[in-house]
Amino acid sequence: MPEPSITVTVKLFAAYQEAYGVTDLVLDFPPGTPVSAVLDHLINEHPQLQQWRNITRFGVNLQFVEPDTILQSGDEVALIPPVSGG
């Protein structure tokens, strides 16, 4: 029997969107996964994103959250790197 998993939609902005060439991803994770694991997953696939790890903010369902916030199936996750410009 397969392990249960949760499915989340990840909204990509700025450097993340450029790395993937899409505006969002749908990813599966084990239950109990913190939102920071989404960033780990993206950095594993695109190591050039490592530079943004410590300055990215996390949003879940349009609310800013802490990196250890546990995801629920159906959540919409936003990874928000600093925006350049002025």
PDB file of N, CA and C in Angstrom:
ATOM      1  N   MET A   1       0.852  -1.184   0.000  1.00  0.00           N
ATOM      2  CA  MET A   1       0.000   0.000   0.000  1.00  0.00           C
ATOM      3  C   MET A   1       0.896   1.245   0.000  1.00  0.00           C
ATOM      4  N   PRO A   2       0.623   2.194  -0.891  1.00  0.00           N
ATOM      5  CA  PRO A   2       1.504   3.365  -0.944  1.00  0.00           C
ATOM      6  C   PRO A   2       1.362   4.243   0.293  1.00  0.00           C
ATOM      7  N   GLU A   3       2.437   4.933   0.609  1.00  0.00           N
ATOM      8  CA  GLU A   3       2.398   5.883   1.718  1.00  0.00           C
ATOM      9  C   GLU A   3       1.400   6.993   1.388  1.00  0.00           C
ATOM     10  N   PRO A   4       0.636   7.440   2.372  1.00  0.00           N
ATOM     11  CA  PRO A   4      -0.233   8.582   2.093  1.00  0.00           C
ATOM     12  C   PRO A   4       0.630   9.811   1.822  1.00  0.00           C
ATOM     13  N   SER A   5       0.120  10.693   1.017  1.00  0.00           N
ATOM     14  CA  SER A   5       0.863  11.924   0.757  1.00  0.00           C
ATOM     15  C   SER A   5      -0.109  13.089   0.706  1.00  0.00           C
ATOM     16  N   ILE A   6       0.462  14.284   0.836  1.00  0.00           N
ATOM     17  CA  ILE A   6      -0.329  15.493   0.679  1.00  0.00           C
ATOM     18  C   ILE A   6       0.086  16.145  -0.634  1.00  0.00           C
ATOM     19  N   THR A   7      -0.842  16.822  -1.254  1.00  0.00           N
ATOM     20  CA  THR A   7      -0.571  17.512  -2.514  1.00  0.00           C
ATOM     21  C   THR A   7      -0.741  18.999  -2.281  1.00  0.00           C
ATOM     22  N   VAL A   8       0.275  19.766  -2.656  1.00  0.00           N
ATOM     23  CA  VAL A   8       0.214  21.216  -2.510  1.00  0.00           C
ATOM     24  C   VAL A   8       0.520  21.872  -3.853  1.00  0.00           C
ATOM     25  N   THR A   9      -0.026  23.055  -4.036  1.00  0.00           N
ATOM     26  CA  THR A   9       0.300  23.873  -5.198  1.00  0.00           C
ATOM     27  C   THR A   9       1.308  24.915  -4.756  1.00  0.00           C
ATOM     28  N   VAL A  10       2.398  25.027  -5.494  1.00  0.00           N
ATOM     29  CA  VAL A  10       3.462  25.964  -5.148  1.00  0.00           C
ATOM     30  C   VAL A  10       3.466  27.085  -6.180  1.00  0.00           C
ATOM     31  N   LYS A  11       3.223  28.301  -5.720  1.00  0.00           N
ATOM     32  CA  LYS A  11       3.275  29.484  -6.583  1.00  0.00           C
ATOM     33  C   LYS A  11       4.712  29.978  -6.622  1.00  0.00           C
ATOM     34  N   LEU A  12       5.230  30.182  -7.818  1.00  0.00           N
ATOM     35  CA  LEU A  12       6.622  30.587  -7.989  1.00  0.00           C
ATOM     36  C   LEU A  12       6.697  32.050  -8.406  1.00  0.00           C
ATOM     37  N   PHE A  13       7.647  32.761  -7.810  1.00  0.00           N
ATOM     38  CA  PHE A  13       7.851  34.171  -8.121  1.00  0.00           C
ATOM     39  C   PHE A  13       9.324  34.426  -8.391  1.00  0.00           C
ATOM     40  N   ALA A  14       9.606  35.459  -9.162  1.00  0.00           N
ATOM     41  CA  ALA A  14      10.958  35.966  -9.385  1.00  0.00           C
ATOM     42  C   ALA A  14      11.931  34.846  -9.761  1.00  0.00           C
ATOM     43  N   ALA A  15      13.006  34.673  -8.990  1.00  0.00           N
ATOM     44  CA  ALA A  15      14.058  33.711  -9.339  1.00  0.00           C
ATOM     45  C   ALA A  15      13.511  32.291  -9.461  1.00  0.00           C
ATOM     46  N   TYR A  16      12.537  31.937  -8.631  1.00  0.00           N
ATOM     47  CA  TYR A  16      11.981  30.574  -8.682  1.00  0.00           C
ATOM     48  C   TYR A  16      11.232  30.360  -9.993  1.00  0.00           C
ATOM     49  N   GLN A  17      10.462  31.357 -10.374  1.00  0.00           N
ATOM     50  CA  GLN A  17       9.721  31.266 -11.634  1.00  0.00           C
ATOM     51  C   GLN A  17      10.689  31.198 -12.815  1.00  0.00           C
ATOM     52  N   GLU A  18      11.768  31.969 -12.763  1.00  0.00           N
ATOM     53  CA  GLU A  18      12.752  31.937 -13.830  1.00  0.00           C
ATOM     54  C   GLU A  18      13.422  30.572 -13.923  1.00  0.00           C
ATOM     55  N   ALA A  19      13.723  29.952 -12.790  1.00  0.00           N
ATOM     56  CA  ALA A  19      14.401  28.654 -12.785  1.00  0.00           C
ATOM     57  C   ALA A  19      13.529  27.568 -13.409  1.00  0.00           C
ATOM     58  N   TYR A  20      12.233  27.601 -13.116  1.00  0.00           N
ATOM     59  CA  TYR A  20      11.340  26.548 -13.577  1.00  0.00           C
ATOM     60  C   TYR A  20      10.634  26.878 -14.888  1.00  0.00           C
ATOM     61  N   GLY A  21      10.519  28.166 -15.205  1.00  0.00           N
ATOM     62  CA  GLY A  21       9.839  28.557 -16.428  1.00  0.00           C
ATOM     63  C   GLY A  21       8.327  28.401 -16.372  1.00  0.00           C
ATOM     64  N   VAL A  22       7.790  28.259 -15.175  1.00  0.00           N
ATOM     65  CA  VAL A  22       6.345  28.153 -14.972  1.00  0.00           C
ATOM     66  C   VAL A  22       5.966  28.992 -13.759  1.00  0.00           C
ATOM     67  N   THR A  23       4.666  29.277 -13.606  1.00  0.00           N
ATOM     68  CA  THR A  23       4.224  30.098 -12.486  1.00  0.00           C
ATOM     69  C   THR A  23       3.830  29.270 -11.277  1.00  0.00           C
ATOM     70  N   ASP A  24       3.540  27.978 -11.473  1.00  0.00           N
ATOM     71  CA  ASP A  24       3.229  27.143 -10.316  1.00  0.00           C
ATOM     72  C   ASP A  24       3.525  25.684 -10.591  1.00  0.00           C
ATOM     73  N   LEU A  25       3.715  24.947  -9.505  1.00  0.00           N
ATOM     74  CA  LEU A  25       4.002  23.515  -9.524  1.00  0.00           C
ATOM     75  C   LEU A  25       3.008  22.825  -8.608  1.00  0.00           C
ATOM     76  N   VAL A  26       2.701  21.570  -8.900  1.00  0.00           N
ATOM     77  CA  VAL A  26       1.916  20.747  -7.983  1.00  0.00           C
ATOM     78  C   VAL A  26       2.851  19.635  -7.507  1.00  0.00           C
ATOM     79  N   LEU A  27       3.061  19.570  -6.191  1.00  0.00           N
ATOM     80  CA  LEU A  27       4.016  18.626  -5.618  1.00  0.00           C
ATOM     81  C   LEU A  27       3.355  17.793  -4.524  1.00  0.00           C
ATOM     82  N   ASP A  28       3.868  16.573  -4.349  1.00  0.00           N
ATOM     83  CA  ASP A  28       3.403  15.677  -3.289  1.00  0.00           C
ATOM     84  C   ASP A  28       4.496  15.541  -2.234  1.00  0.00           C
ATOM     85  N   PHE A  29       4.080  15.553  -0.983  1.00  0.00           N
ATOM     86  CA  PHE A  29       4.990  15.395   0.149  1.00  0.00           C
ATOM     87  C   PHE A  29       4.357  14.459   1.166  1.00  0.00           C
ATOM     88  N   PRO A  30       5.174  13.879   2.067  1.00  0.00           N
ATOM     89  CA  PRO A  30       4.605  13.066   3.156  1.00  0.00           C
ATOM     90  C   PRO A  30       3.813  13.940   4.120  1.00  0.00           C
ATOM     91  N   PRO A  31       2.814  13.379   4.793  1.00  0.00           N
ATOM     92  CA  PRO A  31       2.118  14.142   5.840  1.00  0.00           C
ATOM     93  C   PRO A  31       3.116  14.631   6.881  1.00  0.00           C
ATOM     94  N   GLY A  32       2.847  15.800   7.455  1.00  0.00           N
ATOM     95  CA  GLY A  32       3.734  16.345   8.478  1.00  0.00           C
ATOM     96  C   GLY A  32       4.900  17.139   7.923  1.00  0.00           C
ATOM     97  N   THR A  33       4.909  17.377   6.609  1.00  0.00           N
ATOM     98  CA  THR A  33       6.007  18.109   5.982  1.00  0.00           C
ATOM     99  C   THR A  33       5.896  19.603   6.303  1.00  0.00           C
ATOM    100  N   PRO A  34       7.004  20.236   6.754  1.00  0.00           N
ATOM    101  CA  PRO A  34       6.969  21.685   6.968  1.00  0.00           C
ATOM    102  C   PRO A  34       7.127  22.428   5.641  1.00  0.00           C
ATOM    103  N   VAL A  35       6.649  23.650   5.605  1.00  0.00           N
ATOM    104  CA  VAL A  35       6.714  24.441   4.379  1.00  0.00           C
ATOM    105  C   VAL A  35       8.158  24.642   3.922  1.00  0.00           C
ATOM    106  N   SER A  36       9.107  24.666   4.843  1.00  0.00           N
ATOM    107  CA  SER A  36      10.511  24.838   4.447  1.00  0.00           C
ATOM    108  C   SER A  36      11.000  23.692   3.567  1.00  0.00           C
ATOM    109  N   ALA A  37      10.391  22.504   3.670  1.00  0.00           N
ATOM    110  CA  ALA A  37      10.796  21.359   2.844  1.00  0.00           C
ATOM    111  C   ALA A  37      10.489  21.594   1.372  1.00  0.00           C
ATOM    112  N   VAL A  38       9.494  22.449   1.089  1.00  0.00           N
ATOM    113  CA  VAL A  38       9.194  22.787  -0.305  1.00  0.00           C
ATOM    114  C   VAL A  38      10.406  23.499  -0.906  1.00  0.00           C
ATOM    115  N   LEU A  39      10.953  24.451  -0.149  1.00  0.00           N
ATOM    116  CA  LEU A  39      12.139  25.167  -0.621  1.00  0.00           C
ATOM    117  C   LEU A  39      13.318  24.210  -0.791  1.00  0.00           C
ATOM    118  N   ASP A  40      13.495  23.285   0.152  1.00  0.00           N
ATOM    119  CA  ASP A  40      14.569  22.292   0.027  1.00  0.00           C
ATOM    120  C   ASP A  40      14.422  21.507  -1.275  1.00  0.00           C
ATOM    121  N   HIS A  41      13.198  21.112  -1.593  1.00  0.00           N
ATOM    122  CA  HIS A  41      12.926  20.350  -2.812  1.00  0.00           C
ATOM    123  C   HIS A  41      13.328  21.154  -4.058  1.00  0.00           C
ATOM    124  N   LEU A  42      12.934  22.422  -4.099  1.00  0.00           N
ATOM    125  CA  LEU A  42      13.251  23.249  -5.261  1.00  0.00           C
ATOM    126  C   LEU A  42      14.752  23.467  -5.402  1.00  0.00           C
ATOM    127  N   ILE A  43      15.439  23.673  -4.266  1.00  0.00           N
ATOM    128  CA  ILE A  43      16.892  23.878  -4.309  1.00  0.00           C
ATOM    129  C   ILE A  43      17.596  22.592  -4.746  1.00  0.00           C
ATOM    130  N   ASN A  44      17.076  21.437  -4.343  1.00  0.00           N
ATOM    131  CA  ASN A  44      17.661  20.176  -4.810  1.00  0.00           C
ATOM    132  C   ASN A  44      17.555  20.055  -6.323  1.00  0.00           C
ATOM    133  N   GLU A  45      16.443  20.504  -6.892  1.00  0.00           N
ATOM    134  CA  GLU A  45      16.256  20.417  -8.343  1.00  0.00           C
ATOM    135  C   GLU A  45      17.005  21.512  -9.090  1.00  0.00           C
ATOM    136  N   HIS A  46      17.143  22.681  -8.470  1.00  0.00           N
ATOM    137  CA  HIS A  46      17.807  23.832  -9.099  1.00  0.00           C
ATOM    138  C   HIS A  46      18.771  24.459  -8.093  1.00  0.00           C
ATOM    139  N   PRO A  47      19.990  23.893  -7.989  1.00  0.00           N
ATOM    140  CA  PRO A  47      20.929  24.348  -6.950  1.00  0.00           C
ATOM    141  C   PRO A  47      21.252  25.839  -7.001  1.00  0.00           C
ATOM    142  N   GLN A  48      21.078  26.485  -8.148  1.00  0.00           N
ATOM    143  CA  GLN A  48      21.362  27.919  -8.227  1.00  0.00           C
ATOM    144  C   GLN A  48      20.427  28.731  -7.342  1.00  0.00           C
ATOM    145  N   LEU A  49      19.333  28.123  -6.891  1.00  0.00           N
ATOM    146  CA  LEU A  49      18.399  28.828  -6.010  1.00  0.00           C
ATOM    147  C   LEU A  49      18.881  28.890  -4.558  1.00  0.00           C
ATOM    148  N   GLN A  50      19.964  28.186  -4.249  1.00  0.00           N
ATOM    149  CA  GLN A  50      20.501  28.146  -2.885  1.00  0.00           C
ATOM    150  C   GLN A  50      20.714  29.556  -2.316  1.00  0.00           C
ATOM    151  N   GLN A  51      21.132  30.489  -3.170  1.00  0.00           N
ATOM    152  CA  GLN A  51      21.416  31.861  -2.699  1.00  0.00           C
ATOM    153  C   GLN A  51      20.190  32.535  -2.085  1.00  0.00           C
ATOM    154  N   TRP A  52      18.996  32.047  -2.402  1.00  0.00           N
ATOM    155  CA  TRP A  52      17.772  32.667  -1.906  1.00  0.00           C
ATOM    156  C   TRP A  52      17.240  31.987  -0.636  1.00  0.00           C
ATOM    157  N   ARG A  53      17.863  30.880  -0.219  1.00  0.00           N
ATOM    158  CA  ARG A  53      17.312  30.073   0.877  1.00  0.00           C
ATOM    159  C   ARG A  53      17.019  30.896   2.133  1.00  0.00           C
ATOM    160  N   ASN A  54      17.973  31.683   2.595  1.00  0.00           N
ATOM    161  CA  ASN A  54      17.823  32.352   3.891  1.00  0.00           C
ATOM    162  C   ASN A  54      17.035  33.644   3.842  1.00  0.00           C
ATOM    163  N   ILE A  55      16.641  34.075   2.647  1.00  0.00           N
ATOM    164  CA  ILE A  55      15.922  35.351   2.541  1.00  0.00           C
ATOM    165  C   ILE A  55      14.554  35.194   1.904  1.00  0.00           C
ATOM    166  N   THR A  56      14.146  33.950   1.674  1.00  0.00           N
ATOM    167  CA  THR A  56      12.821  33.702   1.112  1.00  0.00           C
ATOM    168  C   THR A  56      11.791  33.659   2.230  1.00  0.00           C
ATOM    169  N   ARG A  57      10.657  34.313   1.997  1.00  0.00           N
ATOM    170  CA  ARG A  57       9.535  34.233   2.940  1.00  0.00           C
ATOM    171  C   ARG A  57       8.554  33.194   2.426  1.00  0.00           C
ATOM    172  N   PHE A  58       7.801  32.616   3.344  1.00  0.00           N
ATOM    173  CA  PHE A  58       6.849  31.571   3.002  1.00  0.00           C
ATOM    174  C   PHE A  58       5.430  32.067   3.198  1.00  0.00           C
ATOM    175  N   GLY A  59       4.586  31.764   2.254  1.00  0.00           N
ATOM    176  CA  GLY A  59       3.162  32.034   2.401  1.00  0.00           C
ATOM    177  C   GLY A  59       2.388  30.750   2.201  1.00  0.00           C
ATOM    178  N   VAL A  60       1.365  30.550   3.012  1.00  0.00           N
ATOM    179  CA  VAL A  60       0.447  29.426   2.834  1.00  0.00           C
ATOM    180  C   VAL A  60      -0.962  29.997   2.828  1.00  0.00           C
ATOM    181  N   ASN A  61      -1.675  29.720   1.753  1.00  0.00           N
ATOM    182  CA  ASN A  61      -3.056  30.193   1.606  1.00  0.00           C
ATOM    183  C   ASN A  61      -3.168  31.699   1.866  1.00  0.00           C
ATOM    184  N   LEU A  62      -2.237  32.437   1.239  1.00  0.00           N
ATOM    185  CA  LEU A  62      -2.235  33.907   1.259  1.00  0.00           C
ATOM    186  C   LEU A  62      -1.886  34.514   2.616  1.00  0.00           C
ATOM    187  N   GLN A  63      -1.314  33.729   3.514  1.00  0.00           N
ATOM    188  CA  GLN A  63      -0.849  34.237   4.812  1.00  0.00           C
ATOM    189  C   GLN A  63       0.646  33.960   4.939  1.00  0.00           C
ATOM    190  N   PHE A  64       1.406  34.954   5.411  1.00  0.00           N
ATOM    191  CA  PHE A  64       2.817  34.680   5.716  1.00  0.00           C
ATOM    192  C   PHE A  64       2.892  33.718   6.889  1.00  0.00           C
ATOM    193  N   VAL A  65       3.793  32.731   6.798  1.00  0.00           N
ATOM    194  CA  VAL A  65       3.924  31.724   7.851  1.00  0.00           C
ATOM    195  C   VAL A  65       5.401  31.504   8.172  1.00  0.00           C
ATOM    196  N   GLU A  66       5.645  30.856   9.307  1.00  0.00           N
ATOM    197  CA  GLU A  66       6.995  30.478   9.700  1.00  0.00           C
ATOM    198  C   GLU A  66       7.432  29.245   8.909  1.00  0.00           C
ATOM    199  N   PRO A  67       8.768  29.064   8.729  1.00  0.00           N
ATOM    200  CA  PRO A  67       9.258  27.936   7.935  1.00  0.00           C
ATOM    201  C   PRO A  67       8.867  26.562   8.476  1.00  0.00           C
ATOM    202  N   ASP A  68       8.562  26.468   9.783  1.00  0.00           N
ATOM    203  CA  ASP A  68       8.221  25.154  10.344  1.00  0.00           C
ATOM    204  C   ASP A  68       6.719  24.869  10.311  1.00  0.00           C
ATOM    205  N   THR A  69       5.949  25.718   9.645  1.00  0.00           N
ATOM    206  CA  THR A  69       4.500  25.485   9.520  1.00  0.00           C
ATOM    207  C   THR A  69       4.256  24.189   8.764  1.00  0.00           C
ATOM    208  N   ILE A  70       3.425  23.315   9.321  1.00  0.00           N
ATOM    209  CA  ILE A  70       3.141  22.016   8.701  1.00  0.00           C
ATOM    210  C   ILE A  70       2.086  22.187   7.604  1.00  0.00           C
ATOM    211  N   LEU A  71       2.387  21.602   6.455  1.00  0.00           N
ATOM    212  CA  LEU A  71       1.477  21.698   5.311  1.00  0.00           C
ATOM    213  C   LEU A  71       0.313  20.725   5.425  1.00  0.00           C
ATOM    214  N   GLN A  72      -0.800  21.121   4.849  1.00  0.00           N
ATOM    215  CA  GLN A  72      -1.984  20.267   4.732  1.00  0.00           C
ATOM    216  C   GLN A  72      -2.253  20.044   3.243  1.00  0.00           C
ATOM    217  N   SER A  73      -2.850  18.902   2.913  1.00  0.00           N
ATOM    218  CA  SER A  73      -3.172  18.650   1.520  1.00  0.00           C
ATOM    219  C   SER A  73      -4.100  19.748   1.008  1.00  0.00           C
ATOM    220  N   GLY A  74      -3.818  20.235  -0.194  1.00  0.00           N
ATOM    221  CA  GLY A  74      -4.631  21.286  -0.786  1.00  0.00           C
ATOM    222  C   GLY A  74      -4.115  22.685  -0.532  1.00  0.00           C
ATOM    223  N   ASP A  75      -3.089  22.817   0.324  1.00  0.00           N
ATOM    224  CA  ASP A  75      -2.545  24.148   0.597  1.00  0.00           C
ATOM    225  C   ASP A  75      -1.946  24.765  -0.663  1.00  0.00           C
ATOM    226  N   GLU A  76      -2.005  26.080  -0.726  1.00  0.00           N
ATOM    227  CA  GLU A  76      -1.307  26.827  -1.761  1.00  0.00           C
ATOM    228  C   GLU A  76      -0.116  27.504  -1.090  1.00  0.00           C
ATOM    229  N   VAL A  77       1.070  27.140  -1.536  1.00  0.00           N
ATOM    230  CA  VAL A  77       2.316  27.631  -0.952  1.00  0.00           C
ATOM    231  C   VAL A  77       2.907  28.682  -1.884  1.00  0.00           C
ATOM    232  N   ALA A  78       3.337  29.797  -1.325  1.00  0.00           N
ATOM    233  CA  ALA A  78       4.051  30.806  -2.101  1.00  0.00           C
ATOM    234  C   ALA A  78       5.450  30.962  -1.523  1.00  0.00           C
ATOM    235  N   LEU A  79       6.430  30.920  -2.402  1.00  0.00           N
ATOM    236  CA  LEU A  79       7.807  31.190  -2.009  1.00  0.00           C
ATOM    237  C   LEU A  79       8.136  32.575  -2.524  1.00  0.00           C
ATOM    238  N   ILE A  80       8.454  33.477  -1.623  1.00  0.00           N
ATOM    239  CA  ILE A  80       8.559  34.884  -1.960  1.00  0.00           C
ATOM    240  C   ILE A  80       9.978  35.374  -1.692  1.00  0.00           C
ATOM    241  N   PRO A  81      10.808  35.395  -2.742  1.00  0.00           N
ATOM    242  CA  PRO A  81      12.145  35.939  -2.572  1.00  0.00           C
ATOM    243  C   PRO A  81      12.071  37.465  -2.550  1.00  0.00           C
ATOM    244  N   PRO A  82      13.151  38.124  -2.128  1.00  0.00           N
ATOM    245  CA  PRO A  82      13.144  39.575  -2.152  1.00  0.00           C
ATOM    246  C   PRO A  82      12.957  40.053  -3.589  1.00  0.00           C
ATOM    247  N   VAL A  83      12.234  41.127  -3.749  1.00  0.00           N
ATOM    248  CA  VAL A  83      12.018  41.692  -5.074  1.00  0.00           C
ATOM    249  C   VAL A  83      13.000  42.833  -5.261  1.00  0.00           C
ATOM    250  N   SER A  84      13.729  42.806  -6.365  1.00  0.00           N
ATOM    251  CA  SER A  84      14.672  43.889  -6.614  1.00  0.00           C
ATOM    252  C   SER A  84      13.940  45.042  -7.290  1.00  0.00           C
ATOM    253  N   GLY A  85      14.598  46.170  -7.314  1.00  0.00           N
ATOM    254  CA  GLY A  85      13.995  47.348  -7.927  1.00  0.00           C
ATOM    255  C   GLY A  85      13.742  48.393  -6.864  1.00  0.00           C
ATOM    256  N   GLY A  86      13.160  49.513  -7.289  1.00  0.00           N
ATOM    257  CA  GLY A  86      12.939  50.527  -6.288  1.00  0.00           C
ATOM    258  C   GLY A  86      12.124  51.670  -6.817  1.00  0.00           C
TER     259      GLY A  86
END
